[in-house]
C-alpha atoms as a PDB file:
ATOM      1  CA  MET A   1      85.778 128.707 116.013  1.00  0.00           C
ATOM      2  CA  LYS A   2      88.491 128.010 113.287  1.00  0.00           C
ATOM      3  CA  PRO A   3      87.590 125.069 111.031  1.00  0.00           C
ATOM      4  CA  ALA A   4      90.087 122.271 111.277  1.00  0.00           C
ATOM      5  CA  ALA A   5      93.371 122.272 108.673  1.00  0.00           C
ATOM      6  CA  SER A   6      93.007 119.085 106.154  1.00  0.00           C
ATOM      7  CA  SER A   7      95.464 116.665 107.073  1.00  0.00           C
ATOM      8  CA  ASN A   8      95.381 115.749 103.220  1.00  0.00           C
ATOM      9  CA  PRO A   9      97.928 117.468 100.820  1.00  0.00           C
ATOM     10  CA  LEU A  10      97.152 119.345  97.842  1.00  0.00           C
ATOM     11  CA  PRO A  11      97.179 117.459  94.515  1.00  0.00           C
ATOM     12  CA  PRO A  12     100.843 118.494  92.920  1.00  0.00           C
ATOM     13  CA  ALA A  13      99.508 120.656  89.910  1.00  0.00           C
ATOM     14  CA  THR A  14      99.216 118.975  86.793  1.00  0.00           C
ATOM     15  CA  PRO A  15     102.108 120.356  84.353  1.00  0.00           C
ATOM     16  CA  PRO A  16     100.521 122.032  81.009  1.00  0.00           C
ATOM     17  CA  THR A  17     101.078 119.739  78.123  1.00  0.00           C
ATOM     18  CA  LEU A  18     100.584 121.946  75.269  1.00  0.00           C
ATOM     19  CA  ALA A  19     104.190 123.534  74.247  1.00  0.00           C
ATOM     20  CA  ALA A  20     104.353 127.596  74.040  1.00  0.00           C
ATOM     21  CA  PRO A  21     104.406 128.962  70.390  1.00  0.00           C
ATOM     22  CA  VAL A  22     107.848 129.680  69.002  1.00  0.00           C
ATOM     23  CA  THR A  23     108.408 133.479  69.159  1.00  0.00           C
ATOM     24  CA  HIS A  24     112.045 133.455  69.045  1.00  0.00           C
ATOM     25  CA  TYR A  25     113.479 135.273  66.088  1.00  0.00           C
ATOM     26  CA  GLU A  26     115.066 132.519  63.559  1.00  0.00           C
ATOM     27  CA  ASN A  27     115.846 132.169  60.145  1.00  0.00           C
ATOM     28  CA  PHE A  28     113.334 129.484  59.014  1.00  0.00           C
ATOM     29  CA  PRO A  29     109.993 128.242  60.016  1.00  0.00           C
ATOM     30  CA  VAL A  30     109.397 126.353  63.215  1.00  0.00           C
ATOM     31  CA  ALA A  31     106.365 124.274  63.859  1.00  0.00           C
ATOM     32  CA  SER A  32     104.621 127.232  61.177  1.00  0.00           C
ATOM     33  CA  LEU A  33     101.268 126.808  59.536  1.00  0.00           C
ATOM     34  CA  LEU A  34     103.190 124.529  56.580  1.00  0.00           C
ATOM     35  CA  CYS A  35     103.922 122.047  59.191  1.00  0.00           C
ATOM     36  CA  PRO A  36     101.841 119.417  59.230  1.00  0.00           C
ATOM     37  CA  PRO A  37      99.286 120.243  62.569  1.00  0.00           C
ATOM     38  CA  HIS A  38      99.172 117.122  64.454  1.00  0.00           C
ATOM     39  CA  LEU A  39     103.659 117.591  64.223  1.00  0.00           C
ATOM     40  CA  ARG A  40     103.244 121.214  65.514  1.00  0.00           C
ATOM     41  CA  GLN A  41     102.488 120.648  68.982  1.00  0.00           C
ATOM     42  CA  PRO A  42     105.618 117.624  69.176  1.00  0.00           C
ATOM     43  CA  ILE A  43     107.756 119.662  67.250  1.00  0.00           C
ATOM     44  CA  ALA A  44     107.044 123.417  69.494  1.00  0.00           C
ATOM     45  CA  ALA A  45     107.753 120.554  72.275  1.00  0.00           C
ATOM     46  CA  ILE A  46     111.508 119.300  70.683  1.00  0.00           C
ATOM     47  CA  TYR A  47     111.907 123.353  70.107  1.00  0.00           C
ATOM     48  CA  GLY A  48     111.322 124.507  73.666  1.00  0.00           C
ATOM     49  CA  PHE A  49     113.442 122.030  75.596  1.00  0.00           C
ATOM     50  CA  ALA A  50     116.612 123.360  72.712  1.00  0.00           C
ATOM     51  CA  ARG A  51     115.659 126.731  73.226  1.00  0.00           C
ATOM     52  CA  THR A  52     115.406 127.004  77.153  1.00  0.00           C
ATOM     53  CA  ALA A  53     118.614 124.365  77.136  1.00  0.00           C
ATOM     54  CA  ASP A  54     120.285 127.473  74.797  1.00  0.00           C
ATOM     55  CA  ASP A  55     119.258 129.475  77.188  1.00  0.00           C
ATOM     56  CA  ILE A  56     120.891 128.369  80.422  1.00  0.00           C
ATOM     57  CA  ALA A  57     124.278 127.843  78.383  1.00  0.00           C
ATOM     58  CA  ASP A  58     123.816 131.365  77.121  1.00  0.00           C
ATOM     59  CA  GLU A  59     122.002 133.937  78.544  1.00  0.00           C
ATOM     60  CA  GLY A  60     122.488 136.283  82.094  1.00  0.00           C
ATOM     61  CA  ASP A  61     125.291 136.693  83.713  1.00  0.00           C
ATOM     62  CA  ALA A  62     125.278 133.199  85.371  1.00  0.00           C
ATOM     63  CA  ALA A  63     128.817 132.121  86.045  1.00  0.00           C
ATOM     64  CA  PRO A  64     130.458 128.959  83.908  1.00  0.00           C
ATOM     65  CA  HIS A  65     129.858 126.559  86.774  1.00  0.00           C
ATOM     66  CA  GLU A  66     126.468 127.539  87.140  1.00  0.00           C
ATOM     67  CA  ARG A  67     125.307 127.071  83.900  1.00  0.00           C
ATOM     68  CA  LEU A  68     126.707 123.457  84.036  1.00  0.00           C
ATOM     69  CA  ALA A  69     124.696 123.197  87.420  1.00  0.00           C
ATOM     70  CA  GLU A  70     121.617 124.355  85.665  1.00  0.00           C
ATOM     71  CA  LEU A  71     122.467 122.495  82.643  1.00  0.00           C
ATOM     72  CA  ALA A  72     122.861 119.056  85.043  1.00  0.00           C
ATOM     73  CA  ALA A  73     119.553 119.779  86.762  1.00  0.00           C
ATOM     74  CA  TYR A  74     117.620 119.956  83.580  1.00  0.00           C
ATOM     75  CA  ARG A  75     119.328 116.771  81.948  1.00  0.00           C
ATOM     76  CA  ALA A  76     118.568 115.123  85.399  1.00  0.00           C
ATOM     77  CA  GLN A  77     114.742 116.026  84.199  1.00  0.00           C
ATOM     78  CA  LEU A  78     115.173 114.822  80.980  1.00  0.00           C
ATOM     79  CA  GLN A  79     115.729 111.428  82.037  1.00  0.00           C
ATOM     80  CA  ALA A  80     113.212 112.109  84.861  1.00  0.00           C
ATOM     81  CA  VAL A  81     110.200 112.981  82.505  1.00  0.00           C
ATOM     82  CA  ALA A  82     111.528 110.066  79.868  1.00  0.00           C
ATOM     83  CA  ALA A  83     111.376 107.768  83.160  1.00  0.00           C
ATOM     84  CA  GLY A  84     107.318 108.312  83.378  1.00  0.00           C
ATOM     85  CA  GLN A  85     108.046 110.819  86.103  1.00  0.00           C
ATOM     86  CA  VAL A  86     106.071 113.912  86.725  1.00  0.00           C
ATOM     87  CA  PRO A  87     107.538 116.890  85.544  1.00  0.00           C
ATOM     88  CA  ALA A  88     108.956 118.992  88.159  1.00  0.00           C
ATOM     89  CA  ALA A  89     107.609 121.909  88.826  1.00  0.00           C
ATOM     90  CA  ARG A  90     110.143 124.161  87.711  1.00  0.00           C
ATOM     91  CA  TRP A  91     110.617 123.959  84.433  1.00  0.00           C
ATOM     92  CA  ALA A  92     107.077 121.743  83.783  1.00  0.00           C
ATOM     93  CA  ALA A  93     106.392 124.182  80.978  1.00  0.00           C
ATOM     94  CA  VAL A  94     109.354 122.352  79.282  1.00  0.00           C
ATOM     95  CA  PHE A  95     108.965 118.974  79.971  1.00  0.00           C
ATOM     96  CA  GLY A  96     105.628 118.955  80.599  1.00  0.00           C
ATOM     97  CA  PRO A  97     104.850 118.468  76.432  1.00  0.00           C
ATOM     98  CA  LEU A  98     108.102 117.220  76.230  1.00  0.00           C
ATOM     99  CA  GLN A  99     106.919 113.930  78.048  1.00  0.00           C
ATOM    100  CA  CYS A 100     103.712 113.843  75.831  1.00  0.00           C
ATOM    101  CA  ALA A 101     106.101 114.376  72.236  1.00  0.00           C
ATOM    102  CA  ILE A 102     107.861 111.433  73.954  1.00  0.00           C
ATOM    103  CA  GLN A 103     105.180 108.991  74.768  1.00  0.00           C
ATOM    104  CA  GLN A 104     102.847 109.862  71.677  1.00  0.00           C
ATOM    105  CA  HIS A 105     105.704 109.509  69.577  1.00  0.00           C
ATOM    106  CA  ALA A 106     108.381 107.176  71.051  1.00  0.00           C
ATOM    107  CA  LEU A 107     110.489 110.657  70.464  1.00  0.00           C
ATOM    108  CA  PRO A 108     114.575 108.923  71.029  1.00  0.00           C
ATOM    109  CA  VAL A 109     115.647 110.752  74.120  1.00  0.00           C
ATOM    110  CA  ALA A 110     119.288 110.117  72.974  1.00  0.00           C
ATOM    111  CA  LEU A 111     119.161 112.593  70.971  1.00  0.00           C
ATOM    112  CA  LEU A 112     118.151 114.840  72.791  1.00  0.00           C
ATOM    113  CA  ASP A 113     120.679 114.260  75.194  1.00  0.00           C
ATOM    114  CA  ASP A 114     122.941 114.950  72.496  1.00  0.00           C
ATOM    115  CA  LEU A 115     121.985 118.609  72.489  1.00  0.00           C
ATOM    116  CA  LEU A 116     122.778 118.952  75.954  1.00  0.00           C
ATOM    117  CA  SER A 117     125.922 117.722  75.058  1.00  0.00           C
ATOM    118  CA  ALA A 118     126.472 120.406  73.060  1.00  0.00           C
ATOM    119  CA  PHE A 119     125.536 122.444  75.341  1.00  0.00           C
ATOM    120  CA  VAL A 120     127.726 121.659  78.217  1.00  0.00           C
ATOM    121  CA  GLN A 121     131.272 121.681  75.313  1.00  0.00           C
ATOM    122  CA  ASP A 122     130.182 125.323  74.776  1.00  0.00           C
ATOM    123  CA  ILE A 123     129.810 125.930  77.862  1.00  0.00           C
ATOM    124  CA  HIS A 124     133.747 124.471  78.752  1.00  0.00           C
ATOM    125  CA  LYS A 125     134.668 126.349  75.357  1.00  0.00           C
ATOM    126  CA  THR A 126     133.984 129.373  75.919  1.00  0.00           C
ATOM    127  CA  ALA A 127     135.204 129.639  79.452  1.00  0.00           C
ATOM    128  CA  ALA A 128     138.609 128.456  78.538  1.00  0.00           C
ATOM    129  CA  ALA A 129     138.274 130.658  75.374  1.00  0.00           C
ATOM    130  CA  GLY A 130     139.236 127.835  73.472  1.00  0.00           C
ATOM    131  CA  THR A 131     139.091 126.753  69.880  1.00  0.00           C
ATOM    132  CA  TYR A 132     138.203 123.989  67.078  1.00  0.00           C
ATOM    133  CA  ALA A 133     141.559 122.272  65.413  1.00  0.00           C
ATOM    134  CA  ASP A 134     139.910 122.067  62.323  1.00  0.00           C
ATOM    135  CA  ARG A 135     136.363 121.375  60.522  1.00  0.00           C
ATOM    136  CA  ALA A 136     136.427 117.995  61.586  1.00  0.00           C
ATOM    137  CA  GLU A 137     136.317 118.717  65.232  1.00  0.00           C
ATOM    138  CA  LEU A 138     133.531 121.484  64.478  1.00  0.00           C
ATOM    139  CA  LEU A 139     131.509 118.804  62.503  1.00  0.00           C
ATOM    140  CA  ASP A 140     131.563 116.951  65.608  1.00  0.00           C
ATOM    141  CA  TYR A 141     130.161 119.348  67.304  1.00  0.00           C
ATOM    142  CA  CYS A 142     127.349 119.755  65.011  1.00  0.00           C
ATOM    143  CA  ARG A 143     126.591 116.319  65.013  1.00  0.00           C
ATOM    144  CA  ARG A 144     124.852 116.867  68.467  1.00  0.00           C
ATOM    145  CA  SER A 145     124.300 120.587  68.464  1.00  0.00           C
ATOM    146  CA  ALA A 146     122.634 120.604  65.492  1.00  0.00           C
ATOM    147  CA  ASN A 147     121.953 117.059  63.555  1.00  0.00           C
ATOM    148  CA  PRO A 148     119.644 115.580  66.466  1.00  0.00           C
ATOM    149  CA  VAL A 149     116.914 118.288  65.576  1.00  0.00           C
ATOM    150  CA  GLY A 150     116.374 116.864  61.827  1.00  0.00           C
ATOM    151  CA  ARG A 151     116.635 113.317  63.318  1.00  0.00           C
ATOM    152  CA  LEU A 152     114.151 113.634  65.496  1.00  0.00           C
ATOM    153  CA  LEU A 153     112.055 115.415  62.517  1.00  0.00           C
ATOM    154  CA  LEU A 154     112.489 112.434  60.452  1.00  0.00           C
ATOM    155  CA  HIS A 155     111.328 110.247  63.238  1.00  0.00           C
ATOM    156  CA  LEU A 156     107.703 112.399  63.958  1.00  0.00           C
ATOM    157  CA  TYR A 157     107.509 112.736  59.613  1.00  0.00           C
ATOM    158  CA  GLY A 158     108.536 108.503  59.573  1.00  0.00           C
ATOM    159  CA  VAL A 159     111.369 108.225  57.496  1.00  0.00           C
ATOM    160  CA  HIS A 160     114.268 106.684  58.732  1.00  0.00           C
ATOM    161  CA  ASP A 161     116.295 105.498  55.310  1.00  0.00           C
ATOM    162  CA  ALA A 162     120.362 105.880  56.279  1.00  0.00           C
ATOM    163  CA  GLN A 163     120.673 108.089  52.694  1.00  0.00           C
ATOM    164  CA  ALA A 164     117.806 110.399  54.335  1.00  0.00           C
ATOM    165  CA  LEU A 165     119.269 110.475  57.711  1.00  0.00           C
ATOM    166  CA  ALA A 166     122.489 111.796  56.131  1.00  0.00           C
ATOM    167  CA  GLN A 167     121.043 114.346  53.931  1.00  0.00           C
ATOM    168  CA  SER A 168     118.845 116.013  57.207  1.00  0.00           C
ATOM    169  CA  ASP A 169     122.612 115.639  59.270  1.00  0.00           C
ATOM    170  CA  ALA A 170     123.829 118.122  55.942  1.00  0.00           C
ATOM    171  CA  VAL A 171     121.668 120.407  56.375  1.00  0.00           C
ATOM    172  CA  CYS A 172     121.339 120.683  60.100  1.00  0.00           C
ATOM    173  CA  SER A 173     124.924 120.526  60.093  1.00  0.00           C
ATOM    174  CA  ALA A 174     125.016 123.783  57.393  1.00  0.00           C
ATOM    175  CA  LEU A 175     122.205 125.420  59.301  1.00  0.00           C
ATOM    176  CA  GLN A 176     124.774 125.278  61.988  1.00  0.00           C
ATOM    177  CA  LEU A 177     127.644 126.496  60.557  1.00  0.00           C
ATOM    178  CA  ILE A 178     125.326 129.411  58.538  1.00  0.00           C
ATOM    179  CA  ASN A 179     124.857 130.557  62.689  1.00  0.00           C
ATOM    180  CA  PHE A 180     128.294 130.576  63.234  1.00  0.00           C
ATOM    181  CA  TRP A 181     128.705 132.979  60.169  1.00  0.00           C
ATOM    182  CA  GLN A 182     125.875 135.222  60.402  1.00  0.00           C
ATOM    183  CA  ASP A 183     126.594 135.662  64.366  1.00  0.00           C
ATOM    184  CA  LEU A 184     130.514 136.597  63.901  1.00  0.00           C
ATOM    185  CA  SER A 185     130.198 140.018  65.101  1.00  0.00           C
ATOM    186  CA  VAL A 186     128.574 138.405  68.765  1.00  0.00           C
ATOM    187  CA  ASP A 187     130.675 135.510  69.466  1.00  0.00           C
ATOM    188  CA  ILE A 188     134.309 136.504  68.650  1.00  0.00           C
ATOM    189  CA  PRO A 189     133.715 139.321  71.731  1.00  0.00           C
ATOM    190  CA  ARG A 190     132.411 136.572  74.061  1.00  0.00           C
ATOM    191  CA  GLY A 191     135.903 134.236  73.645  1.00  0.00           C
ATOM    192  CA  ARG A 192     133.463 131.842  71.285  1.00  0.00           C
ATOM    193  CA  HIS A 193     135.613 131.017  68.254  1.00  0.00           C
ATOM    194  CA  TYR A 194     134.135 128.703  65.246  1.00  0.00           C
ATOM    195  CA  LEU A 195     136.487 129.605  62.959  1.00  0.00           C
ATOM    196  CA  SER A 196     138.906 126.626  63.130  1.00  0.00           C
ATOM    197  CA  ASP A 197     142.652 126.778  63.693  1.00  0.00           C
ATOM    198  CA  ALA A 198     143.172 125.638  60.250  1.00  0.00           C
ATOM    199  CA  ASP A 199     141.334 127.619  58.785  1.00  0.00           C
ATOM    200  CA  CYS A 200     142.603 130.620  60.154  1.00  0.00           C
ATOM    201  CA  ALA A 201     146.187 129.179  59.562  1.00  0.00           C
ATOM    202  CA  ARG A 202     145.473 128.641  55.863  1.00  0.00           C
ATOM    203  CA  HIS A 203     144.539 131.934  55.399  1.00  0.00           C
ATOM    204  CA  GLY A 204     147.463 133.879  58.186  1.00  0.00           C
ATOM    205  CA  VAL A 205     144.496 135.245  60.228  1.00  0.00           C
ATOM    206  CA  THR A 206     145.000 135.231  63.963  1.00  0.00           C
ATOM    207  CA  ARG A 207     143.085 135.334  66.724  1.00  0.00           C
ATOM    208  CA  ALA A 208     143.849 138.922  67.617  1.00  0.00           C
ATOM    209  CA  GLU A 209     143.522 139.927  63.961  1.00  0.00           C
ATOM    210  CA  LEU A 210     139.680 138.005  64.043  1.00  0.00           C
ATOM    211  CA  ALA A 211     138.808 140.001  68.054  1.00  0.00           C
ATOM    212  CA  THR A 212     139.307 143.624  66.137  1.00  0.00           C
ATOM    213  CA  LEU A 213     136.256 142.909  64.222  1.00  0.00           C
ATOM    214  CA  ILE A 214     137.797 144.480  61.178  1.00  0.00           C
ATOM    215  CA  SER A 215     137.548 143.374  58.210  1.00  0.00           C
ATOM    216  CA  THR A 216     141.142 143.062  55.991  1.00  0.00           C
ATOM    217  CA  PRO A 217     141.589 140.777  52.831  1.00  0.00           C
ATOM    218  CA  ALA A 218     142.435 137.949  54.921  1.00  0.00           C
ATOM    219  CA  THR A 219     139.632 137.566  57.238  1.00  0.00           C
ATOM    220  CA  GLN A 220     137.217 138.293  53.962  1.00  0.00           C
ATOM    221  CA  GLN A 221     139.479 134.939  52.295  1.00  0.00           C
ATOM    222  CA  LEU A 222     138.524 132.881  55.412  1.00  0.00           C
ATOM    223  CA  ILE A 223     135.018 133.664  55.996  1.00  0.00           C
ATOM    224  CA  ALA A 224     133.597 133.471  52.354  1.00  0.00           C
ATOM    225  CA  ASP A 225     136.022 130.126  52.376  1.00  0.00           C
ATOM    226  CA  ASN A 226     133.946 129.170  55.292  1.00  0.00           C
ATOM    227  CA  ALA A 227     130.195 130.312  53.795  1.00  0.00           C
ATOM    228  CA  ARG A 228     131.246 127.860  50.740  1.00  0.00           C
ATOM    229  CA  TRP A 229     131.922 125.036  53.129  1.00  0.00           C
ATOM    230  CA  ALA A 230     128.657 125.541  54.577  1.00  0.00           C
ATOM    231  CA  ARG A 231     126.974 126.126  51.362  1.00  0.00           C
ATOM    232  CA  GLU A 232     128.314 123.173  49.581  1.00  0.00           C
ATOM    233  CA  CYS A 233     127.144 121.051  53.065  1.00  0.00           C
ATOM    234  CA  MET A 234     123.464 122.360  52.168  1.00  0.00           C
ATOM    235  CA  LEU A 235     123.095 121.861  48.651  1.00  0.00           C
ATOM    236  CA  ALA A 236     124.180 117.847  49.798  1.00  0.00           C
ATOM    237  CA  GLY A 237     121.256 117.934  51.822  1.00  0.00           C
ATOM    238  CA  LEU A 238     118.883 119.323  49.318  1.00  0.00           C
ATOM    239  CA  PRO A 239     117.506 116.580  47.613  1.00  0.00           C
ATOM    240  CA  LEU A 240     115.692 115.504  51.214  1.00  0.00           C
ATOM    241  CA  VAL A 241     113.009 118.194  50.435  1.00  0.00           C
ATOM    242  CA  HIS A 242     111.558 115.893  47.675  1.00  0.00           C
ATOM    243  CA  ARG A 243     111.653 112.879  49.963  1.00  0.00           C
ATOM    244  CA  LEU A 244     109.335 114.412  52.788  1.00  0.00           C
ATOM    245  CA  PRO A 245     105.708 114.478  52.274  1.00  0.00           C
ATOM    246  CA  GLY A 246     103.372 117.358  52.051  1.00  0.00           C
ATOM    247  CA  ARG A 247     103.592 120.058  54.051  1.00  0.00           C
ATOM    248  CA  ALA A 248     106.729 119.187  55.895  1.00  0.00           C
ATOM    249  CA  GLY A 249     109.152 119.071  52.078  1.00  0.00           C
ATOM    250  CA  TRP A 250     107.722 122.683  51.552  1.00  0.00           C
ATOM    251  CA  GLU A 251     108.495 123.869  55.571  1.00  0.00           C
ATOM    252  CA  LEU A 252     112.229 122.047  54.797  1.00  0.00           C
ATOM    253  CA  ARG A 253     112.144 124.036  51.723  1.00  0.00           C
ATOM    254  CA  LEU A 254     111.553 127.504  53.471  1.00  0.00           C
ATOM    255  CA  VAL A 255     114.495 126.405  56.095  1.00  0.00           C
ATOM    256  CA  VAL A 256     116.643 125.183  52.905  1.00  0.00           C
ATOM    257  CA  GLN A 257     116.318 128.584  51.923  1.00  0.00           C
ATOM    258  CA  GLY A 258     116.936 130.482  54.522  1.00  0.00           C
ATOM    259  CA  GLY A 259     120.324 129.225  55.625  1.00  0.00           C
ATOM    260  CA  LEU A 260     120.920 129.794  51.739  1.00  0.00           C
ATOM    261  CA  ARG A 261     119.711 133.666  52.056  1.00  0.00           C
ATOM    262  CA  ILE A 262     121.886 134.267  54.558  1.00  0.00           C
ATOM    263  CA  LEU A 263     124.271 132.963  53.324  1.00  0.00           C
ATOM    264  CA  ASP A 264     123.974 135.457  50.200  1.00  0.00           C
ATOM    265  CA  LYS A 265     124.096 138.328  52.898  1.00  0.00           C
ATOM    266  CA  VAL A 266     127.147 136.898  54.342  1.00  0.00           C
ATOM    267  CA  ASP A 267     128.740 136.733  50.912  1.00  0.00           C
ATOM    268  CA  ALA A 268     127.686 139.865  50.192  1.00  0.00           C
ATOM    269  CA  LEU A 269     129.229 141.911  53.154  1.00  0.00           C
ATOM    270  CA  GLN A 270     132.292 140.851  51.793  1.00  0.00           C
ATOM    271  CA  GLY A 271     134.135 139.695  55.585  1.00  0.00           C
ATOM    272  CA  ALA A 272     132.049 142.609  56.976  1.00  0.00           C
ATOM    273  CA  SER A 273     129.720 140.292  58.973  1.00  0.00           C
ATOM    274  CA  LEU A 274     133.138 140.304  61.326  1.00  0.00           C
ATOM    275  CA  HIS A 275     131.124 143.516  62.774  1.00  0.00           C
ATOM    276  CA  THR A 276     127.713 143.311  61.046  1.00  0.00           C
ATOM    277  CA  ARG A 277     124.954 140.861  61.658  1.00  0.00           C
ATOM    278  CA  PRO A 278     123.099 140.007  58.304  1.00  0.00           C
ATOM    279  CA  THR A 279     119.476 138.929  59.082  1.00  0.00           C
ATOM    280  CA  LEU A 280     116.199 138.356  56.921  1.00  0.00           C
ATOM    281  CA  GLY A 281     113.588 140.778  56.080  1.00  0.00           C
ATOM    282  CA  LYS A 282     110.251 140.914  54.550  1.00  0.00           C
ATOM    283  CA  ALA A 283     112.097 140.737  51.177  1.00  0.00           C
ATOM    284  CA  ASP A 284     113.974 138.101  51.817  1.00  0.00           C
ATOM    285  CA  TRP A 285     111.227 135.792  52.745  1.00  0.00           C
ATOM    286  CA  LEU A 286     109.534 136.447  49.736  1.00  0.00           C
ATOM    287  CA  ARG A 287     112.278 136.125  47.269  1.00  0.00           C
ATOM    288  CA  MET A 288     112.961 132.423  49.361  1.00  0.00           C
ATOM    289  CA  LEU A 289     109.143 131.895  48.653  1.00  0.00           C
ATOM    290  CA  GLY A 290     109.759 132.371  44.941  1.00  0.00           C
ATOM    291  CA  ARG A 291     113.162 129.772  45.263  1.00  0.00           C
ATOM    292  CA  CYS A 292     111.179 127.139  47.096  1.00  0.00           C
ATOM    293  CA  LEU A 293     108.555 126.864  44.203  1.00  0.00           C
ATOM    294  CA  ARG A 294     111.675 126.486  41.909  1.00  0.00           C
ATOM    295  CA  MET A 295     113.008 123.695  43.610  1.00  0.00           C
END
């Protein structure tokens, strides 16, 4: 005789509270050994949240409307866990650790939501092969796609003054711009256009010319000009490395030097980043460490 089935439903699985380690290639350290130990988990949770959203927006073969629906569900889950609801099973590995970070460190949820708005914009722009009119429009995208990460980190470090926030925004916008100029060979074939209309016009470069991925004197000057702009942004935020305490300041030094080293490589390619993606190797990291000691 079979035992009677229990009328009590099984309790829901407890969502994980520890973020997965960072394994994706980056130009800079994320939640590394330089990071203050008590902040590694919340930083890894923020990274995991942003990385997963980026994958929804960018990876695989989903149609734009499917990506937008996924991000809408992801956004709803952010609001749910911020309100104290138990994370759903689907993205529990992301939102379990993130909810802990939100609760323990009072993370500004609006900054996390800004990141998602940038991913939504990316999908719309790519689907329409849209372009950015000028640098001001591109910086508005950076304000939501990159700057929130720096502000979340400053929040964790307990640094809130206006000067530090402005310097953080400069560093993060620079990192986003550097990523654009590093990824031209990948983005242009996928219909992503971050070289602005105004910059292209100023250098006499057409979209059709860029689509060939062939370097010319005009495209070389266009890329070099934008690389200089990114470097100026990074240098404007550089004094922040001396404001952050202890290990956090040293990790930021590596972040800054990683961005500057990629720009060195973009410059050295002399426009060939249209078809060659520069990356960092072991020798570059040693050089970055040496530069960090001299900052």
